[in-house]
Amino acid sequence: MSLIVAARFTTFPAAEDAAQKLFNAGFVEEDVTLFFVNPRGQHARHPIGGDTGTDAGAKDSPKGAGMGVTLGAVAGAVVGVGIFAAFSAPLVVSLIAAGVGAYVGSLVGAMLGTREGGKGVHHSAFHEESRDSGVLVAVHVSPDNQFDAARVLREAGGVAIERASGRWQQGRWADFDPLKTPVPLNEFAEKHA
């Protein structure tokens, strides 16, 4: 594992300026990279997008669908019996009405369960993330020069300076995880500045 120091910038020009200052301070190009960190919840962890497998608001939709099937089947049967009695329709019409009622009821119940299930817990997975979006400048460092890198990044306007242990391959932070909580380096950098 490699020792990495990183800081967040609001724009690419500011991050590029910080990278140039790192080069001027003696860091080599293979040890400096910059990349954009997406906003919370937008890291495309799943093939269709997003970071979570389910929406917190959809938690109660199966219960709502089950209740909707029951109520819809009863309502459909009542309508079917009414049609059967009023028009002397065949029994199959009553069964079809009950089936349609159950289907419509399951849809309505699932939708109501979705709407009500999200109260108070909507986007709860996103609040667990502690990393803000922005352009991250990462530097592959040694224990001897980590505080020099932090100082240069801080003086260049970098915020949320962090220290991490990760895989540095081909001039970039190969195993960067935007969901992992960063370990701040500010208090260490200020003591050694």
C-alpha atoms as a PDB file:
ATOM      1  CA  MET A   1       0.000   0.000   0.000  1.00  0.00           C
ATOM      2  CA  SER A   2       1.098   3.519  -0.784  1.00  0.00           C
ATOM      3  CA  LEU A   3       0.811   6.630   1.339  1.00  0.00           C
ATOM      4  CA  ILE A   4      -1.347   9.278  -0.349  1.00  0.00           C
ATOM      5  CA  VAL A   5      -2.112  12.881   0.571  1.00  0.00           C
ATOM      6  CA  ALA A   6      -5.028  14.606  -1.173  1.00  0.00           C
ATOM      7  CA  ALA A   7      -6.933  17.889  -1.099  1.00  0.00           C
ATOM      8  CA  ARG A   8     -10.161  19.121  -2.686  1.00  0.00           C
ATOM      9  CA  PHE A   9     -10.425  22.123  -4.990  1.00  0.00           C
ATOM     10  CA  THR A  10     -13.531  23.721  -6.475  1.00  0.00           C
ATOM     11  CA  THR A  11     -12.263  24.049 -10.055  1.00  0.00           C
ATOM     12  CA  PHE A  12      -9.913  22.253 -12.414  1.00  0.00           C
ATOM     13  CA  PRO A  13      -7.787  25.391 -13.003  1.00  0.00           C
ATOM     14  CA  ALA A  14      -7.220  25.716  -9.240  1.00  0.00           C
ATOM     15  CA  ALA A  15      -6.328  22.013  -9.032  1.00  0.00           C
ATOM     16  CA  GLU A  16      -3.969  22.301 -12.002  1.00  0.00           C
ATOM     17  CA  ASP A  17      -2.306  25.306 -10.350  1.00  0.00           C
ATOM     18  CA  ALA A  18      -1.836  23.239  -7.174  1.00  0.00           C
ATOM     19  CA  ALA A  19      -0.325  20.391  -9.213  1.00  0.00           C
ATOM     20  CA  GLN A  20       2.133  22.847 -10.786  1.00  0.00           C
ATOM     21  CA  LYS A  21       3.102  24.080  -7.315  1.00  0.00           C
ATOM     22  CA  LEU A  22       3.719  20.477  -6.280  1.00  0.00           C
ATOM     23  CA  PHE A  23       5.998  20.003  -9.305  1.00  0.00           C
ATOM     24  CA  ASN A  24       7.843  23.219  -8.388  1.00  0.00           C
ATOM     25  CA  ALA A  25       8.294  21.823  -4.857  1.00  0.00           C
ATOM     26  CA  GLY A  26      10.041  18.722  -6.226  1.00  0.00           C
ATOM     27  CA  PHE A  27       7.213  16.209  -6.639  1.00  0.00           C
ATOM     28  CA  VAL A  28       7.356  14.289  -9.921  1.00  0.00           C
ATOM     29  CA  GLU A  29       4.525  14.037 -12.438  1.00  0.00           C
ATOM     30  CA  GLU A  30       4.039  10.283 -11.829  1.00  0.00           C
ATOM     31  CA  ASP A  31       3.247  11.044  -8.184  1.00  0.00           C
ATOM     32  CA  VAL A  32       0.533  13.664  -8.766  1.00  0.00           C
ATOM     33  CA  THR A  33      -2.948  13.152 -10.207  1.00  0.00           C
ATOM     34  CA  LEU A  34      -6.196  15.062 -10.220  1.00  0.00           C
ATOM     35  CA  PHE A  35      -9.752  13.893 -10.816  1.00  0.00           C
ATOM     36  CA  PHE A  36     -13.335  14.939 -10.163  1.00  0.00           C
ATOM     37  CA  VAL A  37     -15.315  13.416  -7.295  1.00  0.00           C
ATOM     38  CA  ASN A  38     -19.031  13.317  -8.069  1.00  0.00           C
ATOM     39  CA  PRO A  39     -21.652  14.645  -5.633  1.00  0.00           C
ATOM     40  CA  ARG A  40     -23.016  12.324  -2.947  1.00  0.00           C
ATOM     41  CA  GLY A  41     -25.117   9.480  -4.283  1.00  0.00           C
ATOM     42  CA  GLN A  42     -23.928   9.932  -7.876  1.00  0.00           C
ATOM     43  CA  HIS A  43     -21.019   7.513  -8.096  1.00  0.00           C
ATOM     44  CA  ALA A  44     -22.716   4.981 -10.443  1.00  0.00           C
ATOM     45  CA  ARG A  45     -21.978   1.951  -8.292  1.00  0.00           C
ATOM     46  CA  HIS A  46     -24.735  -0.004 -10.091  1.00  0.00           C
ATOM     47  CA  PRO A  47     -25.067  -0.682 -13.838  1.00  0.00           C
ATOM     48  CA  ILE A  48     -28.158   1.516 -14.127  1.00  0.00           C
ATOM     49  CA  GLY A  49     -26.686   4.278 -11.959  1.00  0.00           C
ATOM     50  CA  GLY A  50     -26.821   5.338  -8.348  1.00  0.00           C
ATOM     51  CA  ASP A  51     -25.006   4.053  -5.304  1.00  0.00           C
ATOM     52  CA  THR A  52     -27.659   1.950  -3.592  1.00  0.00           C
ATOM     53  CA  GLY A  53     -29.566  -1.102  -4.768  1.00  0.00           C
ATOM     54  CA  THR A  54     -32.928   0.158  -3.580  1.00  0.00           C
ATOM     55  CA  ASP A  55     -34.668   3.404  -2.857  1.00  0.00           C
ATOM     56  CA  ALA A  56     -35.437   3.888   0.820  1.00  0.00           C
ATOM     57  CA  GLY A  57     -38.871   5.177  -0.182  1.00  0.00           C
ATOM     58  CA  ALA A  58     -39.754   1.832  -1.788  1.00  0.00           C
ATOM     59  CA  LYS A  59     -39.275  -0.133   1.436  1.00  0.00           C
ATOM     60  CA  ASP A  60     -42.997  -0.562   2.148  1.00  0.00           C
ATOM     61  CA  SER A  61     -44.199  -1.090  -1.435  1.00  0.00           C
ATOM     62  CA  PRO A  62     -44.514  -4.929  -1.152  1.00  0.00           C
ATOM     63  CA  LYS A  63     -46.833  -4.570   1.862  1.00  0.00           C
ATOM     64  CA  GLY A  64     -48.868  -1.963   0.005  1.00  0.00           C
ATOM     65  CA  ALA A  65     -49.086  -4.202  -3.054  1.00  0.00           C
ATOM     66  CA  GLY A  66     -50.321  -7.131  -0.942  1.00  0.00           C
ATOM     67  CA  MET A  67     -52.955  -5.011   0.740  1.00  0.00           C
ATOM     68  CA  GLY A  68     -53.922  -3.555  -2.656  1.00  0.00           C
ATOM     69  CA  VAL A  69     -54.369  -7.036  -4.161  1.00  0.00           C
ATOM     70  CA  THR A  70     -56.726  -8.003  -1.388  1.00  0.00           C
ATOM     71  CA  LEU A  71     -58.781  -4.813  -1.486  1.00  0.00           C
ATOM     72  CA  GLY A  72     -58.737  -4.708  -5.290  1.00  0.00           C
ATOM     73  CA  ALA A  73     -59.884  -8.327  -5.600  1.00  0.00           C
ATOM     74  CA  VAL A  74     -62.733  -7.702  -3.176  1.00  0.00           C
ATOM     75  CA  ALA A  75     -63.751  -4.518  -5.002  1.00  0.00           C
ATOM     76  CA  GLY A  76     -63.452  -6.270  -8.372  1.00  0.00           C
ATOM     77  CA  ALA A  77     -65.550  -9.202  -7.130  1.00  0.00           C
ATOM     78  CA  VAL A  78     -68.229  -6.826  -5.860  1.00  0.00           C
ATOM     79  CA  VAL A  79     -68.282  -5.063  -9.238  1.00  0.00           C
ATOM     80  CA  GLY A  80     -68.320  -8.425 -11.015  1.00  0.00           C
ATOM     81  CA  VAL A  81     -71.229  -9.663  -8.903  1.00  0.00           C
ATOM     82  CA  GLY A  82     -73.033  -6.374  -9.564  1.00  0.00           C
ATOM     83  CA  ILE A  83     -72.518  -6.797 -13.324  1.00  0.00           C
ATOM     84  CA  PHE A  84     -73.553 -10.452 -13.097  1.00  0.00           C
ATOM     85  CA  ALA A  85     -76.740  -9.578 -11.199  1.00  0.00           C
ATOM     86  CA  ALA A  86     -77.672  -6.506 -13.239  1.00  0.00           C
ATOM     87  CA  PHE A  87     -76.982  -7.814 -16.727  1.00  0.00           C
ATOM     88  CA  SER A  88     -77.141 -11.588 -16.298  1.00  0.00           C
ATOM     89  CA  ALA A  89     -73.554 -11.716 -17.556  1.00  0.00           C
ATOM     90  CA  PRO A  90     -71.631 -14.998 -17.491  1.00  0.00           C
ATOM     91  CA  LEU A  91     -69.709 -15.959 -14.330  1.00  0.00           C
ATOM     92  CA  VAL A  92     -66.408 -15.481 -16.192  1.00  0.00           C
ATOM     93  CA  VAL A  93     -67.100 -11.708 -16.266  1.00  0.00           C
ATOM     94  CA  SER A  94     -67.160 -11.686 -12.461  1.00  0.00           C
ATOM     95  CA  LEU A  95     -63.834 -13.532 -12.352  1.00  0.00           C
ATOM     96  CA  ILE A  96     -62.287 -11.143 -14.893  1.00  0.00           C
ATOM     97  CA  ALA A  97     -63.548  -8.147 -12.896  1.00  0.00           C
ATOM     98  CA  ALA A  98     -62.051  -9.597  -9.713  1.00  0.00           C
ATOM     99  CA  GLY A  99     -58.711 -10.203 -11.493  1.00  0.00           C
ATOM    100  CA  VAL A 100     -58.610  -6.685 -12.959  1.00  0.00           C
ATOM    101  CA  GLY A 101     -59.520  -5.254  -9.561  1.00  0.00           C
ATOM    102  CA  ALA A 102     -56.713  -7.232  -7.905  1.00  0.00           C
ATOM    103  CA  TYR A 103     -54.188  -6.059 -10.478  1.00  0.00           C
ATOM    104  CA  VAL A 104     -55.201  -2.404 -10.256  1.00  0.00           C
ATOM    105  CA  GLY A 105     -55.333  -2.679  -6.474  1.00  0.00           C
ATOM    106  CA  SER A 106     -51.788  -4.072  -6.338  1.00  0.00           C
ATOM    107  CA  LEU A 107     -50.489  -1.176  -8.439  1.00  0.00           C
ATOM    108  CA  VAL A 108     -52.269   1.441  -6.358  1.00  0.00           C
ATOM    109  CA  GLY A 109     -51.208  -0.239  -3.107  1.00  0.00           C
ATOM    110  CA  ALA A 110     -47.566  -0.439  -4.192  1.00  0.00           C
ATOM    111  CA  MET A 111     -47.545   3.213  -5.217  1.00  0.00           C
ATOM    112  CA  LEU A 112     -49.129   4.309  -1.942  1.00  0.00           C
ATOM    113  CA  GLY A 113     -46.623   2.168  -0.029  1.00  0.00           C
ATOM    114  CA  THR A 114     -43.787   3.809  -1.955  1.00  0.00           C
ATOM    115  CA  ARG A 115     -45.021   7.297  -1.223  1.00  0.00           C
ATOM    116  CA  GLU A 116     -45.539   6.650   2.475  1.00  0.00           C
ATOM    117  CA  GLY A 117     -42.441   4.478   2.961  1.00  0.00           C
ATOM    118  CA  GLY A 118     -40.061   7.309   2.173  1.00  0.00           C
ATOM    119  CA  LYS A 119     -41.168   9.648   4.963  1.00  0.00           C
ATOM    120  CA  GLY A 120     -38.212  10.554   7.124  1.00  0.00           C
ATOM    121  CA  VAL A 121     -35.752   8.141   5.497  1.00  0.00           C
ATOM    122  CA  HIS A 122     -35.450   9.460   1.958  1.00  0.00           C
ATOM    123  CA  HIS A 123     -31.827   9.590   0.794  1.00  0.00           C
ATOM    124  CA  SER A 124     -30.550   8.222   4.111  1.00  0.00           C
ATOM    125  CA  ALA A 125     -27.709   6.382   2.339  1.00  0.00           C
ATOM    126  CA  PHE A 126     -26.380   9.656   0.924  1.00  0.00           C
ATOM    127  CA  HIS A 127     -26.075  11.234   4.370  1.00  0.00           C
ATOM    128  CA  GLU A 128     -23.586   8.536   5.337  1.00  0.00           C
ATOM    129  CA  GLU A 129     -21.079   9.935   2.839  1.00  0.00           C
ATOM    130  CA  SER A 130     -18.727  12.493   4.310  1.00  0.00           C
ATOM    131  CA  ARG A 131     -16.733  13.409   1.187  1.00  0.00           C
ATOM    132  CA  ASP A 132     -17.848  16.530  -0.691  1.00  0.00           C
ATOM    133  CA  SER A 133     -17.668  16.750  -4.454  1.00  0.00           C
ATOM    134  CA  GLY A 134     -14.937  18.669  -6.233  1.00  0.00           C
ATOM    135  CA  VAL A 135     -11.599  18.201  -7.939  1.00  0.00           C
ATOM    136  CA  LEU A 136      -9.269  16.060  -5.869  1.00  0.00           C
ATOM    137  CA  VAL A 137      -5.506  16.458  -6.197  1.00  0.00           C
ATOM    138  CA  ALA A 138      -3.813  13.308  -4.910  1.00  0.00           C
ATOM    139  CA  VAL A 139      -0.095  12.964  -4.262  1.00  0.00           C
ATOM    140  CA  HIS A 140       1.858   9.734  -3.821  1.00  0.00           C
ATOM    141  CA  VAL A 141       4.118  10.564  -0.872  1.00  0.00           C
ATOM    142  CA  SER A 142       6.563   9.029   1.565  1.00  0.00           C
ATOM    143  CA  PRO A 143       6.418   9.466   5.345  1.00  0.00           C
ATOM    144  CA  ASP A 144       9.221  12.034   4.980  1.00  0.00           C
ATOM    145  CA  ASN A 145       7.496  14.346   2.487  1.00  0.00           C
ATOM    146  CA  GLN A 146       3.791  13.911   3.314  1.00  0.00           C
ATOM    147  CA  PHE A 147       3.666  17.130   5.348  1.00  0.00           C
ATOM    148  CA  ASP A 148       5.431  19.051   2.567  1.00  0.00           C
ATOM    149  CA  ALA A 149       2.726  17.903   0.136  1.00  0.00           C
ATOM    150  CA  ALA A 150       0.000  18.878   2.609  1.00  0.00           C
ATOM    151  CA  ARG A 151       1.573  22.323   3.083  1.00  0.00           C
ATOM    152  CA  VAL A 152       1.780  22.956  -0.680  1.00  0.00           C
ATOM    153  CA  LEU A 153      -1.822  21.820  -1.167  1.00  0.00           C
ATOM    154  CA  ARG A 154      -3.033  24.003   1.718  1.00  0.00           C
ATOM    155  CA  GLU A 155      -1.126  27.053   0.444  1.00  0.00           C
ATOM    156  CA  ALA A 156      -2.580  26.480  -3.048  1.00  0.00           C
ATOM    157  CA  GLY A 157      -6.099  26.731  -1.609  1.00  0.00           C
ATOM    158  CA  GLY A 158      -6.850  23.052  -1.061  1.00  0.00           C
ATOM    159  CA  VAL A 159      -9.413  22.110   1.556  1.00  0.00           C
ATOM    160  CA  ALA A 160     -10.258  18.860   3.324  1.00  0.00           C
ATOM    161  CA  ILE A 161      -6.645  17.694   3.206  1.00  0.00           C
ATOM    162  CA  GLU A 162      -6.559  13.975   3.872  1.00  0.00           C
ATOM    163  CA  ARG A 163      -4.143  11.091   4.262  1.00  0.00           C
ATOM    164  CA  ALA A 164      -4.937   7.680   2.829  1.00  0.00           C
ATOM    165  CA  SER A 165      -3.377   4.321   2.256  1.00  0.00           C
ATOM    166  CA  GLY A 166      -4.090   2.928  -1.185  1.00  0.00           C
ATOM    167  CA  ARG A 167      -2.828   1.485  -4.451  1.00  0.00           C
ATOM    168  CA  TRP A 168      -0.893   3.942  -6.598  1.00  0.00           C
ATOM    169  CA  GLN A 169      -0.525   2.560 -10.121  1.00  0.00           C
ATOM    170  CA  GLN A 170       0.581   4.186 -13.360  1.00  0.00           C
ATOM    171  CA  GLY A 171       0.491   7.683 -11.925  1.00  0.00           C
ATOM    172  CA  ARG A 172      -2.950   7.536 -10.332  1.00  0.00           C
ATOM    173  CA  TRP A 173      -4.805   6.474  -7.175  1.00  0.00           C
ATOM    174  CA  ALA A 174      -6.090   3.141  -8.502  1.00  0.00           C
ATOM    175  CA  ASP A 175      -8.351   2.061  -5.635  1.00  0.00           C
ATOM    176  CA  PHE A 176      -9.899   5.422  -4.708  1.00  0.00           C
ATOM    177  CA  ASP A 177     -13.312   4.902  -3.098  1.00  0.00           C
ATOM    178  CA  PRO A 178     -15.519   8.031  -2.960  1.00  0.00           C
ATOM    179  CA  LEU A 179     -17.719   6.403  -0.306  1.00  0.00           C
ATOM    180  CA  LYS A 180     -14.848   5.811   2.117  1.00  0.00           C
ATOM    181  CA  THR A 181     -14.626   8.368   4.913  1.00  0.00           C
ATOM    182  CA  PRO A 182     -11.481  10.484   4.477  1.00  0.00           C
ATOM    183  CA  VAL A 183      -8.903  10.704   7.267  1.00  0.00           C
ATOM    184  CA  PRO A 184      -8.107  14.407   7.788  1.00  0.00           C
ATOM    185  CA  LEU A 185      -4.469  15.448   7.772  1.00  0.00           C
ATOM    186  CA  ASN A 186      -4.992  19.128   8.681  1.00  0.00           C
ATOM    187  CA  GLU A 187      -4.041  18.863  12.333  1.00  0.00           C
ATOM    188  CA  PHE A 188      -0.863  16.947  11.462  1.00  0.00           C
ATOM    189  CA  ALA A 189       0.094  19.330   8.643  1.00  0.00           C
ATOM    190  CA  GLU A 190      -0.366  22.422  10.819  1.00  0.00           C
ATOM    191  CA  LYS A 191       1.899  20.975  13.534  1.00  0.00           C
ATOM    192  CA  HIS A 192       4.662  20.327  11.016  1.00  0.00           C
ATOM    193  CA  ALA A 193       4.303  23.470   8.888  1.00  0.00           C
END
